[in-house]
Amino acid sequence: MSRFQILYTAEAKERLAEIAKFDPKSARIIFDHIKQLPDTYRTDPFLQGAHFKGLRRNRIGRCRAIYRVLEQEERIHIITIDLRKSVYD
């Protein structure tokens, strides 16, 4: 059992709900994948660019989860989830 708490922004919750509405199987895969982040985040690359400082990305099929790890507070903040082509906009 991980000690990290996973928190979702309103945007991330909204995106996941949209995906679930049209593709429940993909939404379940994304949700299950995110639950594994406390054990796997160290292998995920950081995003490049000043406005992405401290953010990591995780590939989940055609989607990307953008998130920040706060190790001292033992939290992972899921910023957004979206298709690869539009997640960085």
PDB file of N, CA and C in Angstrom:
ATOM      1  N   MET A   1       0.853  -1.186   0.000  1.00  0.00           N
ATOM      2  CA  MET A   1       0.000   0.000   0.000  1.00  0.00           C
ATOM      3  C   MET A   1       0.890   1.238   0.000  1.00  0.00           C
ATOM      4  N   SER A   2       0.599   2.135  -0.896  1.00  0.00           N
ATOM      5  CA  SER A   2       1.411   3.343  -1.029  1.00  0.00           C
ATOM      6  C   SER A   2       1.059   4.362   0.046  1.00  0.00           C
ATOM      7  N   ARG A   3       2.045   5.117   0.425  1.00  0.00           N
ATOM      8  CA  ARG A   3       1.825   6.180   1.403  1.00  0.00           C
ATOM      9  C   ARG A   3       1.353   7.458   0.725  1.00  0.00           C
ATOM     10  N   PHE A   4       1.465   7.543  -0.616  1.00  0.00           N
ATOM     11  CA  PHE A   4       1.082   8.744  -1.356  1.00  0.00           C
ATOM     12  C   PHE A   4      -0.427   8.856  -1.515  1.00  0.00           C
ATOM     13  N   GLN A   5      -0.891  10.085  -1.430  1.00  0.00           N
ATOM     14  CA  GLN A   5      -2.290  10.400  -1.704  1.00  0.00           C
ATOM     15  C   GLN A   5      -2.344  10.973  -3.121  1.00  0.00           C
ATOM     16  N   ILE A   6      -3.285  10.515  -3.926  1.00  0.00           N
ATOM     17  CA  ILE A   6      -3.436  11.018  -5.287  1.00  0.00           C
ATOM     18  C   ILE A   6      -4.622  11.970  -5.314  1.00  0.00           C
ATOM     19  N   LEU A   7      -4.356  13.200  -5.752  1.00  0.00           N
ATOM     20  CA  LEU A   7      -5.381  14.231  -5.832  1.00  0.00           C
ATOM     21  C   LEU A   7      -5.558  14.654  -7.282  1.00  0.00           C
ATOM     22  N   TYR A   8      -6.781  14.948  -7.662  1.00  0.00           N
ATOM     23  CA  TYR A   8      -7.100  15.355  -9.027  1.00  0.00           C
ATOM     24  C   TYR A   8      -7.576  16.804  -9.039  1.00  0.00           C
ATOM     25  N   THR A   9      -7.099  17.588  -9.994  1.00  0.00           N
ATOM     26  CA  THR A   9      -7.650  18.934 -10.174  1.00  0.00           C
ATOM     27  C   THR A   9      -9.047  18.786 -10.769  1.00  0.00           C
ATOM     28  N   ALA A  10      -9.809  19.874 -10.742  1.00  0.00           N
ATOM     29  CA  ALA A  10     -11.141  19.857 -11.346  1.00  0.00           C
ATOM     30  C   ALA A  10     -11.040  19.517 -12.834  1.00  0.00           C
ATOM     31  N   GLU A  11     -10.012  20.062 -13.490  1.00  0.00           N
ATOM     32  CA  GLU A  11      -9.827  19.783 -14.925  1.00  0.00           C
ATOM     33  C   GLU A  11      -9.576  18.305 -15.166  1.00  0.00           C
ATOM     34  N   ALA A  12      -8.730  17.682 -14.356  1.00  0.00           N
ATOM     35  CA  ALA A  12      -8.426  16.257 -14.521  1.00  0.00           C
ATOM     36  C   ALA A  12      -9.675  15.406 -14.286  1.00  0.00           C
ATOM     37  N   LYS A  13     -10.458  15.752 -13.282  1.00  0.00           N
ATOM     38  CA  LYS A  13     -11.703  15.022 -13.017  1.00  0.00           C
ATOM     39  C   LYS A  13     -12.664  15.151 -14.189  1.00  0.00           C
ATOM     40  N   GLU A  14     -12.756  16.366 -14.728  1.00  0.00           N
ATOM     41  CA  GLU A  14     -13.650  16.627 -15.859  1.00  0.00           C
ATOM     42  C   GLU A  14     -13.213  15.819 -17.088  1.00  0.00           C
ATOM     43  N   ARG A  15     -11.932  15.817 -17.362  1.00  0.00           N
ATOM     44  CA  ARG A  15     -11.410  15.064 -18.523  1.00  0.00           C
ATOM     45  C   ARG A  15     -11.668  13.568 -18.360  1.00  0.00           C
ATOM     46  N   LEU A  16     -11.415  13.049 -17.172  1.00  0.00           N
ATOM     47  CA  LEU A  16     -11.645  11.628 -16.929  1.00  0.00           C
ATOM     48  C   LEU A  16     -13.126  11.283 -17.063  1.00  0.00           C
ATOM     49  N   ALA A  17     -13.998  12.167 -16.605  1.00  0.00           N
ATOM     50  CA  ALA A  17     -15.447  11.945 -16.748  1.00  0.00           C
ATOM     51  C   ALA A  17     -15.856  11.948 -18.219  1.00  0.00           C
ATOM     52  N   GLU A  18     -15.270  12.848 -19.011  1.00  0.00           N
ATOM     53  CA  GLU A  18     -15.570  12.889 -20.447  1.00  0.00           C
ATOM     54  C   GLU A  18     -15.137  11.599 -21.128  1.00  0.00           C
ATOM     55  N   ILE A  19     -13.952  11.139 -20.782  1.00  0.00           N
ATOM     56  CA  ILE A  19     -13.458   9.884 -21.361  1.00  0.00           C
ATOM     57  C   ILE A  19     -14.372   8.740 -20.953  1.00  0.00           C
ATOM     58  N   ALA A  20     -14.776   8.706 -19.684  1.00  0.00           N
ATOM     59  CA  ALA A  20     -15.635   7.632 -19.174  1.00  0.00           C
ATOM     60  C   ALA A  20     -16.977   7.595 -19.888  1.00  0.00           C
ATOM     61  N   LYS A  21     -17.486   8.761 -20.247  1.00  0.00           N
ATOM     62  CA  LYS A  21     -18.787   8.832 -20.912  1.00  0.00           C
ATOM     63  C   LYS A  21     -18.734   8.141 -22.279  1.00  0.00           C
ATOM     64  N   PHE A  22     -17.645   8.325 -23.014  1.00  0.00           N
ATOM     65  CA  PHE A  22     -17.543   7.799 -24.368  1.00  0.00           C
ATOM     66  C   PHE A  22     -16.774   6.484 -24.462  1.00  0.00           C
ATOM     67  N   ASP A  23     -15.921   6.209 -23.484  1.00  0.00           N
ATOM     68  CA  ASP A  23     -15.096   5.011 -23.526  1.00  0.00           C
ATOM     69  C   ASP A  23     -14.781   4.543 -22.102  1.00  0.00           C
ATOM     70  N   PRO A  24     -15.761   3.904 -21.450  1.00  0.00           N
ATOM     71  CA  PRO A  24     -15.575   3.490 -20.054  1.00  0.00           C
ATOM     72  C   PRO A  24     -14.373   2.575 -19.837  1.00  0.00           C
ATOM     73  N   LYS A  25     -14.076   1.722 -20.797  1.00  0.00           N
ATOM     74  CA  LYS A  25     -12.939   0.809 -20.654  1.00  0.00           C
ATOM     75  C   LYS A  25     -11.627   1.592 -20.576  1.00  0.00           C
ATOM     76  N   SER A  26     -11.459   2.576 -21.444  1.00  0.00           N
ATOM     77  CA  SER A  26     -10.249   3.404 -21.414  1.00  0.00           C
ATOM     78  C   SER A  26     -10.153   4.188 -20.111  1.00  0.00           C
ATOM     79  N   ALA A  27     -11.280   4.696 -19.636  1.00  0.00           N
ATOM     80  CA  ALA A  27     -11.282   5.456 -18.378  1.00  0.00           C
ATOM     81  C   ALA A  27     -10.826   4.570 -17.230  1.00  0.00           C
ATOM     82  N   ARG A  28     -11.255   3.331 -17.206  1.00  0.00           N
ATOM     83  CA  ARG A  28     -10.853   2.389 -16.149  1.00  0.00           C
ATOM     84  C   ARG A  28      -9.357   2.111 -16.242  1.00  0.00           C
ATOM     85  N   ILE A  29      -8.833   1.947 -17.457  1.00  0.00           N
ATOM     86  CA  ILE A  29      -7.399   1.714 -17.651  1.00  0.00           C
ATOM     87  C   ILE A  29      -6.605   2.916 -17.143  1.00  0.00           C
ATOM     88  N   ILE A  30      -7.062   4.123 -17.490  1.00  0.00           N
ATOM     89  CA  ILE A  30      -6.386   5.347 -17.052  1.00  0.00           C
ATOM     90  C   ILE A  30      -6.394   5.432 -15.528  1.00  0.00           C
ATOM     91  N   PHE A  31      -7.557   5.226 -14.932  1.00  0.00           N
ATOM     92  CA  PHE A  31      -7.683   5.304 -13.471  1.00  0.00           C
ATOM     93  C   PHE A  31      -6.771   4.283 -12.790  1.00  0.00           C
ATOM     94  N   ASP A  32      -6.774   3.045 -13.292  1.00  0.00           N
ATOM     95  CA  ASP A  32      -5.924   2.004 -12.702  1.00  0.00           C
ATOM     96  C   ASP A  32      -4.445   2.345 -12.864  1.00  0.00           C
ATOM     97  N   HIS A  33      -4.103   2.908 -14.011  1.00  0.00           N
ATOM     98  CA  HIS A  33      -2.709   3.290 -14.276  1.00  0.00           C
ATOM     99  C   HIS A  33      -2.263   4.394 -13.311  1.00  0.00           C
ATOM    100  N   ILE A  34      -3.120   5.365 -13.090  1.00  0.00           N
ATOM    101  CA  ILE A  34      -2.797   6.469 -12.190  1.00  0.00           C
ATOM    102  C   ILE A  34      -2.604   5.961 -10.756  1.00  0.00           C
ATOM    103  N   LYS A  35      -3.383   4.962 -10.368  1.00  0.00           N
ATOM    104  CA  LYS A  35      -3.216   4.397  -9.028  1.00  0.00           C
ATOM    105  C   LYS A  35      -1.827   3.811  -8.818  1.00  0.00           C
ATOM    106  N   GLN A  36      -1.135   3.446  -9.897  1.00  0.00           N
ATOM    107  CA  GLN A  36       0.204   2.864  -9.811  1.00  0.00           C
ATOM    108  C   GLN A  36       1.310   3.928  -9.750  1.00  0.00           C
ATOM    109  N   LEU A  37       0.983   5.201  -9.985  1.00  0.00           N
ATOM    110  CA  LEU A  37       1.994   6.257 -10.024  1.00  0.00           C
ATOM    111  C   LEU A  37       2.880   6.334  -8.777  1.00  0.00           C
ATOM    112  N   PRO A  38       2.347   6.140  -7.581  1.00  0.00           N
ATOM    113  CA  PRO A  38       3.242   6.206  -6.411  1.00  0.00           C
ATOM    114  C   PRO A  38       4.416   5.232  -6.498  1.00  0.00           C
ATOM    115  N   ASP A  39       4.241   4.136  -7.213  1.00  0.00           N
ATOM    116  CA  ASP A  39       5.306   3.142  -7.340  1.00  0.00           C
ATOM    117  C   ASP A  39       6.149   3.335  -8.591  1.00  0.00           C
ATOM    118  N   THR A  40       5.658   4.122  -9.561  1.00  0.00           N
ATOM    119  CA  THR A  40       6.339   4.200 -10.856  1.00  0.00           C
ATOM    120  C   THR A  40       6.763   5.609 -11.267  1.00  0.00           C
ATOM    121  N   TYR A  41       6.399   6.642 -10.524  1.00  0.00           N
ATOM    122  CA  TYR A  41       6.617   8.008 -10.998  1.00  0.00           C
ATOM    123  C   TYR A  41       8.084   8.347 -11.259  1.00  0.00           C
ATOM    124  N   ARG A  42       8.982   7.710 -10.576  1.00  0.00           N
ATOM    125  CA  ARG A  42      10.412   8.047 -10.741  1.00  0.00           C
ATOM    126  C   ARG A  42      10.938   7.767 -12.153  1.00  0.00           C
ATOM    127  N   THR A  43      10.256   6.913 -12.900  1.00  0.00           N
ATOM    128  CA  THR A  43      10.683   6.610 -14.269  1.00  0.00           C
ATOM    129  C   THR A  43      10.040   7.535 -15.301  1.00  0.00           C
ATOM    130  N   ASP A  44       9.062   8.325 -14.902  1.00  0.00           N
ATOM    131  CA  ASP A  44       8.391   9.237 -15.834  1.00  0.00           C
ATOM    132  C   ASP A  44       9.223  10.495 -16.039  1.00  0.00           C
ATOM    133  N   PRO A  45       9.334  10.946 -17.297  1.00  0.00           N
ATOM    134  CA  PRO A  45      10.152  12.138 -17.570  1.00  0.00           C
ATOM    135  C   PRO A  45       9.473  13.427 -17.124  1.00  0.00           C
ATOM    136  N   PHE A  46      10.320  14.409 -16.809  1.00  0.00           N
ATOM    137  CA  PHE A  46       9.823  15.757 -16.539  1.00  0.00           C
ATOM    138  C   PHE A  46       9.503  16.426 -17.869  1.00  0.00           C
ATOM    139  N   LEU A  47       8.533  17.320 -17.852  1.00  0.00           N
ATOM    140  CA  LEU A  47       8.222  18.107 -19.047  1.00  0.00           C
ATOM    141  C   LEU A  47       9.276  19.190 -19.223  1.00  0.00           C
ATOM    142  N   GLN A  48       9.505  19.578 -20.455  1.00  0.00           N
ATOM    143  CA  GLN A  48      10.468  20.620 -20.778  1.00  0.00           C
ATOM    144  C   GLN A  48       9.764  21.973 -20.830  1.00  0.00           C
ATOM    145  N   GLY A  49      10.482  23.032 -20.549  1.00  0.00           N
ATOM    146  CA  GLY A  49       9.931  24.381 -20.640  1.00  0.00           C
ATOM    147  C   GLY A  49       9.664  24.973 -19.274  1.00  0.00           C
ATOM    148  N   ALA A  50       9.863  26.281 -19.177  1.00  0.00           N
ATOM    149  CA  ALA A  50       9.727  26.983 -17.897  1.00  0.00           C
ATOM    150  C   ALA A  50       8.318  26.869 -17.315  1.00  0.00           C
ATOM    151  N   HIS A  51       7.283  26.924 -18.162  1.00  0.00           N
ATOM    152  CA  HIS A  51       5.915  26.888 -17.641  1.00  0.00           C
ATOM    153  C   HIS A  51       5.477  25.480 -17.231  1.00  0.00           C
ATOM    154  N   PHE A  52       6.311  24.471 -17.498  1.00  0.00           N
ATOM    155  CA  PHE A  52       6.024  23.105 -17.075  1.00  0.00           C
ATOM    156  C   PHE A  52       6.933  22.644 -15.941  1.00  0.00           C
ATOM    157  N   LYS A  53       7.656  23.554 -15.336  1.00  0.00           N
ATOM    158  CA  LYS A  53       8.652  23.215 -14.322  1.00  0.00           C
ATOM    159  C   LYS A  53       8.046  22.339 -13.213  1.00  0.00           C
ATOM    160  N   GLY A  54       8.697  21.211 -12.967  1.00  0.00           N
ATOM    161  CA  GLY A  54       8.278  20.308 -11.904  1.00  0.00           C
ATOM    162  C   GLY A  54       7.184  19.327 -12.284  1.00  0.00           C
ATOM    163  N   LEU A  55       6.673  19.420 -13.502  1.00  0.00           N
ATOM    164  CA  LEU A  55       5.606  18.519 -13.928  1.00  0.00           C
ATOM    165  C   LEU A  55       6.186  17.310 -14.648  1.00  0.00           C
ATOM    166  N   ARG A  56       5.557  16.179 -14.431  1.00  0.00           N
ATOM    167  CA  ARG A  56       5.937  14.942 -15.107  1.00  0.00           C
ATOM    168  C   ARG A  56       4.805  14.515 -16.032  1.00  0.00           C
ATOM    169  N   ARG A  57       5.144  13.637 -16.967  1.00  0.00           N
ATOM    170  CA  ARG A  57       4.118  13.095 -17.857  1.00  0.00           C
ATOM    171  C   ARG A  57       4.150  11.575 -17.784  1.00  0.00           C
ATOM    172  N   ASN A  58       2.984  10.985 -17.955  1.00  0.00           N
ATOM    173  CA  ASN A  58       2.871   9.539 -17.956  1.00  0.00           C
ATOM    174  C   ASN A  58       2.017   9.140 -19.152  1.00  0.00           C
ATOM    175  N   ARG A  59       2.529   8.260 -19.968  1.00  0.00           N
ATOM    176  CA  ARG A  59       1.820   7.796 -21.153  1.00  0.00           C
ATOM    177  C   ARG A  59       0.876   6.669 -20.769  1.00  0.00           C
ATOM    178  N   ILE A  60      -0.380   6.821 -21.175  1.00  0.00           N
ATOM    179  CA  ILE A  60      -1.399   5.801 -20.927  1.00  0.00           C
ATOM    180  C   ILE A  60      -2.120   5.605 -22.251  1.00  0.00           C
ATOM    181  N   GLY A  61      -1.606   4.730 -23.075  1.00  0.00           N
ATOM    182  CA  GLY A  61      -2.170   4.541 -24.412  1.00  0.00           C
ATOM    183  C   GLY A  61      -2.032   5.814 -25.223  1.00  0.00           C
ATOM    184  N   ARG A  62      -3.147   6.289 -25.796  1.00  0.00           N
ATOM    185  CA  ARG A  62      -3.141   7.526 -26.579  1.00  0.00           C
ATOM    186  C   ARG A  62      -3.207   8.765 -25.701  1.00  0.00           C
ATOM    187  N   CYS A  63      -3.398   8.577 -24.414  1.00  0.00           N
ATOM    188  CA  CYS A  63      -3.540   9.707 -23.488  1.00  0.00           C
ATOM    189  C   CYS A  63      -2.249   9.961 -22.724  1.00  0.00           C
ATOM    190  N   ARG A  64      -2.193  11.135 -22.144  1.00  0.00           N
ATOM    191  CA  ARG A  64      -1.102  11.507 -21.256  1.00  0.00           C
ATOM    192  C   ARG A  64      -1.713  12.049 -19.965  1.00  0.00           C
ATOM    193  N   ALA A  65      -1.114  11.679 -18.864  1.00  0.00           N
ATOM    194  CA  ALA A  65      -1.453  12.279 -17.576  1.00  0.00           C
ATOM    195  C   ALA A  65      -0.302  13.219 -17.230  1.00  0.00           C
ATOM    196  N   ILE A  66      -0.625  14.460 -16.921  1.00  0.00           N
ATOM    197  CA  ILE A  66       0.357  15.449 -16.499  1.00  0.00           C
ATOM    198  C   ILE A  66       0.169  15.619 -14.995  1.00  0.00           C
ATOM    199  N   TYR A  67       1.258  15.507 -14.250  1.00  0.00           N
ATOM    200  CA  TYR A  67       1.116  15.528 -12.791  1.00  0.00           C
ATOM    201  C   TYR A  67       2.359  16.089 -12.118  1.00  0.00           C
ATOM    202  N   ARG A  68       2.195  16.429 -10.837  1.00  0.00           N
ATOM    203  CA  ARG A  68       3.280  16.937 -10.001  1.00  0.00           C
ATOM    204  C   ARG A  68       3.376  16.050  -8.758  1.00  0.00           C
ATOM    205  N   VAL A  69       4.588  15.699  -8.403  1.00  0.00           N
ATOM    206  CA  VAL A  69       4.828  14.899  -7.200  1.00  0.00           C
ATOM    207  C   VAL A  69       5.343  15.818  -6.105  1.00  0.00           C
ATOM    208  N   LEU A  70       4.696  15.774  -4.963  1.00  0.00           N
ATOM    209  CA  LEU A  70       5.149  16.505  -3.781  1.00  0.00           C
ATOM    210  C   LEU A  70       5.582  15.447  -2.763  1.00  0.00           C
ATOM    211  N   GLU A  71       6.864  15.100  -2.842  1.00  0.00           N
ATOM    212  CA  GLU A  71       7.362  13.985  -2.032  1.00  0.00           C
ATOM    213  C   GLU A  71       7.268  14.262  -0.537  1.00  0.00           C
ATOM    214  N   GLN A  72       7.609  15.483  -0.112  1.00  0.00           N
ATOM    215  CA  GLN A  72       7.574  15.821   1.323  1.00  0.00           C
ATOM    216  C   GLN A  72       6.169  15.652   1.887  1.00  0.00           C
ATOM    217  N   GLU A  73       5.170  16.029   1.091  1.00  0.00           N
ATOM    218  CA  GLU A  73       3.774  15.932   1.551  1.00  0.00           C
ATOM    219  C   GLU A  73       3.131  14.593   1.198  1.00  0.00           C
ATOM    220  N   GLU A  74       3.894  13.756   0.474  1.00  0.00           N
ATOM    221  CA  GLU A  74       3.406  12.445   0.050  1.00  0.00           C
ATOM    222  C   GLU A  74       2.114  12.555  -0.742  1.00  0.00           C
ATOM    223  N   ARG A  75       2.154  13.456  -1.741  1.00  0.00           N
ATOM    224  CA  ARG A  75       0.991  13.674  -2.599  1.00  0.00           C
ATOM    225  C   ARG A  75       1.405  13.686  -4.056  1.00  0.00           C
ATOM    226  N   ILE A  76       0.505  13.209  -4.886  1.00  0.00           N
ATOM    227  CA  ILE A  76       0.637  13.333  -6.330  1.00  0.00           C
ATOM    228  C   ILE A  76      -0.593  14.084  -6.803  1.00  0.00           C
ATOM    229  N   HIS A  77      -0.360  15.197  -7.493  1.00  0.00           N
ATOM    230  CA  HIS A  77      -1.452  16.021  -8.013  1.00  0.00           C
ATOM    231  C   HIS A  77      -1.581  15.761  -9.510  1.00  0.00           C
ATOM    232  N   ILE A  78      -2.699  15.194  -9.914  1.00  0.00           N
ATOM    233  CA  ILE A  78      -2.967  14.977 -11.332  1.00  0.00           C
ATOM    234  C   ILE A  78      -3.512  16.300 -11.873  1.00  0.00           C
ATOM    235  N   ILE A  79      -2.750  16.933 -12.777  1.00  0.00           N
ATOM    236  CA  ILE A  79      -3.118  18.244 -13.303  1.00  0.00           C
ATOM    237  C   ILE A  79      -4.142  18.103 -14.417  1.00  0.00           C
ATOM    238  N   THR A  80      -3.860  17.240 -15.387  1.00  0.00           N
ATOM    239  CA  THR A  80      -4.794  17.014 -16.484  1.00  0.00           C
ATOM    240  C   THR A  80      -4.538  15.656 -17.112  1.00  0.00           C
ATOM    241  N   ILE A  81      -5.530  15.209 -17.837  1.00  0.00           N
ATOM    242  CA  ILE A  81      -5.464  13.963 -18.600  1.00  0.00           C
ATOM    243  C   ILE A  81      -6.089  14.280 -19.951  1.00  0.00           C
ATOM    244  N   ASP A  82      -5.395  13.968 -21.014  1.00  0.00           N
ATOM    245  CA  ASP A  82      -5.955  14.272 -22.324  1.00  0.00           C
ATOM    246  C   ASP A  82      -5.215  13.474 -23.386  1.00  0.00           C
ATOM    247  N   LEU A  83      -5.731  13.547 -24.610  1.00  0.00           N
ATOM    248  CA  LEU A  83      -5.047  12.924 -25.729  1.00  0.00           C
ATOM    249  C   LEU A  83      -3.694  13.582 -25.918  1.00  0.00           C
ATOM    250  N   ARG A  84      -2.742  12.814 -26.356  1.00  0.00           N
ATOM    251  CA  ARG A  84      -1.373  13.311 -26.530  1.00  0.00           C
ATOM    252  C   ARG A  84      -1.325  14.564 -27.381  1.00  0.00           C
ATOM    253  N   LYS A  85      -2.112  14.601 -28.472  1.00  0.00           N
ATOM    254  CA  LYS A  85      -2.026  15.734 -29.401  1.00  0.00           C
ATOM    255  C   LYS A  85      -2.509  17.051 -28.789  1.00  0.00           C
ATOM    256  N   SER A  86      -3.307  17.006 -27.745  1.00  0.00           N
ATOM    257  CA  SER A  86      -3.851  18.243 -27.192  1.00  0.00           C
ATOM    258  C   SER A  86      -3.482  18.499 -25.731  1.00  0.00           C
ATOM    259  N   VAL A  87      -2.819  17.578 -25.072  1.00  0.00           N
ATOM    260  CA  VAL A  87      -2.553  17.717 -23.641  1.00  0.00           C
ATOM    261  C   VAL A  87      -1.581  18.843 -23.324  1.00  0.00           C
ATOM    262  N   TYR A  88      -0.697  19.169 -24.235  1.00  0.00           N
ATOM    263  CA  TYR A  88       0.324  20.185 -23.959  1.00  0.00           C
ATOM    264  C   TYR A  88      -0.092  21.590 -24.349  1.00  0.00           C
ATOM    265  N   ASP A  89      -1.298  21.753 -24.838  1.00  0.00           N
ATOM    266  CA  ASP A  89      -1.785  23.087 -25.243  1.00  0.00           C
ATOM    267  C   ASP A  89      -2.088  23.959 -24.044  1.00  0.00           C
TER     268      ASP A  89
END
